[in-house]
C-alpha atoms as a PDB file:
ATOM      1  CA  UNK A   1     109.209 110.602 137.534  1.00  0.00           C
ATOM      2  CA  UNK A   2     109.505 112.337 134.584  1.00  0.00           C
ATOM      3  CA  UNK A   3     108.103 111.274 131.314  1.00  0.00           C
ATOM      4  CA  UNK A   4     108.860 112.093 127.425  1.00  0.00           C
ATOM      5  CA  UNK A   5     105.800 112.166 125.317  1.00  0.00           C
ATOM      6  CA  UNK A   6     105.604 111.077 122.030  1.00  0.00           C
ATOM      7  CA  UNK A   7     104.747 113.472 119.365  1.00  0.00           C
ATOM      8  CA  UNK A   8     104.411 113.544 115.499  1.00  0.00           C
ATOM      9  CA  UNK A   9     106.161 116.858 113.690  1.00  0.00           C
ATOM     10  CA  UNK A  10     103.530 118.696 112.015  1.00  0.00           C
ATOM     11  CA  UNK A  11     105.949 121.442 110.625  1.00  0.00           C
ATOM     12  CA  UNK A  12     109.520 122.486 111.193  1.00  0.00           C
ATOM     13  CA  UNK A  13     110.595 126.354 111.237  1.00  0.00           C
ATOM     14  CA  UNK A  14     114.606 126.293 111.857  1.00  0.00           C
ATOM     15  CA  UNK A  15     115.058 124.803 115.158  1.00  0.00           C
ATOM     16  CA  UNK A  16     111.502 124.325 116.312  1.00  0.00           C
ATOM     17  CA  UNK A  17     108.952 121.854 115.407  1.00  0.00           C
ATOM     18  CA  UNK A  18     105.201 122.176 116.085  1.00  0.00           C
ATOM     19  CA  UNK A  19     104.139 118.904 117.211  1.00  0.00           C
ATOM     20  CA  UNK A  20     100.814 117.194 117.619  1.00  0.00           C
ATOM     21  CA  UNK A  21      99.606 113.928 119.702  1.00  0.00           C
ATOM     22  CA  UNK A  22      95.933 113.122 120.673  1.00  0.00           C
ATOM     23  CA  UNK A  23      94.460 116.512 119.805  1.00  0.00           C
ATOM     24  CA  UNK A  24      97.299 118.755 121.547  1.00  0.00           C
ATOM     25  CA  UNK A  25      99.715 120.699 119.701  1.00  0.00           C
ATOM     26  CA  UNK A  26     103.056 122.066 121.297  1.00  0.00           C
ATOM     27  CA  UNK A  27     106.355 123.740 120.217  1.00  0.00           C
ATOM     28  CA  UNK A  28     109.557 121.981 120.709  1.00  0.00           C
ATOM     29  CA  UNK A  29     112.974 122.925 120.162  1.00  0.00           C
ATOM     30  CA  UNK A  30     115.358 120.694 117.625  1.00  0.00           C
ATOM     31  CA  UNK A  31     118.520 122.023 119.215  1.00  0.00           C
ATOM     32  CA  UNK A  32     119.495 118.638 120.745  1.00  0.00           C
ATOM     33  CA  UNK A  33     119.114 116.811 117.653  1.00  0.00           C
ATOM     34  CA  UNK A  34     120.590 119.162 115.119  1.00  0.00           C
ATOM     35  CA  UNK A  35     122.756 116.183 113.317  1.00  0.00           C
ATOM     36  CA  UNK A  36     119.288 114.044 112.965  1.00  0.00           C
ATOM     37  CA  UNK A  37     117.336 114.427 109.610  1.00  0.00           C
ATOM     38  CA  UNK A  38     113.979 115.036 110.647  1.00  0.00           C
ATOM     39  CA  UNK A  39     110.859 116.035 108.642  1.00  0.00           C
ATOM     40  CA  UNK A  40     107.286 116.463 109.259  1.00  0.00           C
ATOM     41  CA  UNK A  41     105.579 113.543 109.997  1.00  0.00           C
ATOM     42  CA  UNK A  42     108.214 112.112 111.758  1.00  0.00           C
ATOM     43  CA  UNK A  43     107.732 110.537 115.267  1.00  0.00           C
ATOM     44  CA  UNK A  44     109.713 112.016 118.457  1.00  0.00           C
ATOM     45  CA  UNK A  45     109.855 112.249 122.290  1.00  0.00           C
ATOM     46  CA  UNK A  46     109.564 115.698 123.704  1.00  0.00           C
ATOM     47  CA  UNK A  47     110.685 116.347 127.216  1.00  0.00           C
ATOM     48  CA  UNK A  48     110.436 119.313 128.849  1.00  0.00           C
ATOM     49  CA  UNK A  49     110.031 121.219 125.227  1.00  0.00           C
ATOM     50  CA  UNK A  50     113.048 119.639 123.586  1.00  0.00           C
ATOM     51  CA  UNK A  51     112.831 116.943 121.025  1.00  0.00           C
ATOM     52  CA  UNK A  52     114.775 114.030 122.538  1.00  0.00           C
ATOM     53  CA  UNK A  53     114.820 111.183 120.143  1.00  0.00           C
ATOM     54  CA  UNK A  54     113.618 110.343 116.965  1.00  0.00           C
ATOM     55  CA  UNK A  55     111.051 107.075 117.195  1.00  0.00           C
ATOM     56  CA  UNK A  56     108.991 104.743 114.767  1.00  0.00           C
ATOM     57  CA  UNK A  57     105.203 105.067 114.525  1.00  0.00           C
ATOM     58  CA  UNK A  58     104.809 101.925 116.054  1.00  0.00           C
ATOM     59  CA  UNK A  59     106.908 102.817 119.059  1.00  0.00           C
ATOM     60  CA  UNK A  60     104.563 105.835 119.574  1.00  0.00           C
ATOM     61  CA  UNK A  61     101.665 104.068 119.427  1.00  0.00           C
ATOM     62  CA  UNK A  62     103.043 101.646 121.807  1.00  0.00           C
ATOM     63  CA  UNK A  63     103.635 104.226 124.174  1.00  0.00           C
ATOM     64  CA  UNK A  64     100.193 106.179 123.745  1.00  0.00           C
ATOM     65  CA  UNK A  65      98.634 102.649 124.293  1.00  0.00           C
ATOM     66  CA  UNK A  66     100.412 102.482 127.675  1.00  0.00           C
ATOM     67  CA  UNK A  67      99.912 105.914 128.785  1.00  0.00           C
ATOM     68  CA  UNK A  68      96.238 105.602 128.325  1.00  0.00           C
ATOM     69  CA  UNK A  69      96.191 102.478 130.714  1.00  0.00           C
ATOM     70  CA  UNK A  70      97.933 103.866 133.371  1.00  0.00           C
ATOM     71  CA  UNK A  71      95.505 106.967 133.209  1.00  0.00           C
ATOM     72  CA  UNK A  72      92.557 104.618 133.112  1.00  0.00           C
ATOM     73  CA  UNK A  73      94.013 102.520 136.471  1.00  0.00           C
ATOM     74  CA  UNK A  74      94.566 106.105 137.800  1.00  0.00           C
ATOM     75  CA  UNK A  75      90.762 107.201 137.350  1.00  0.00           C
END
């Protein structure tokens, strides 16, 4: 099973975004969403190092809550 991880864009440099979620920062390629208007502060889904979709903050927080429940149940 593969999961896309919601993250918030911190900085954009060309086609690369520095993103953060729950204290973890990663760089991700914006190449797949070249036509999308993205800016620091936007929430996106990252899969295999690529930003694949823009999302709302509410969608990101809901996904993080579900992932926390899954991890808690697994512990």
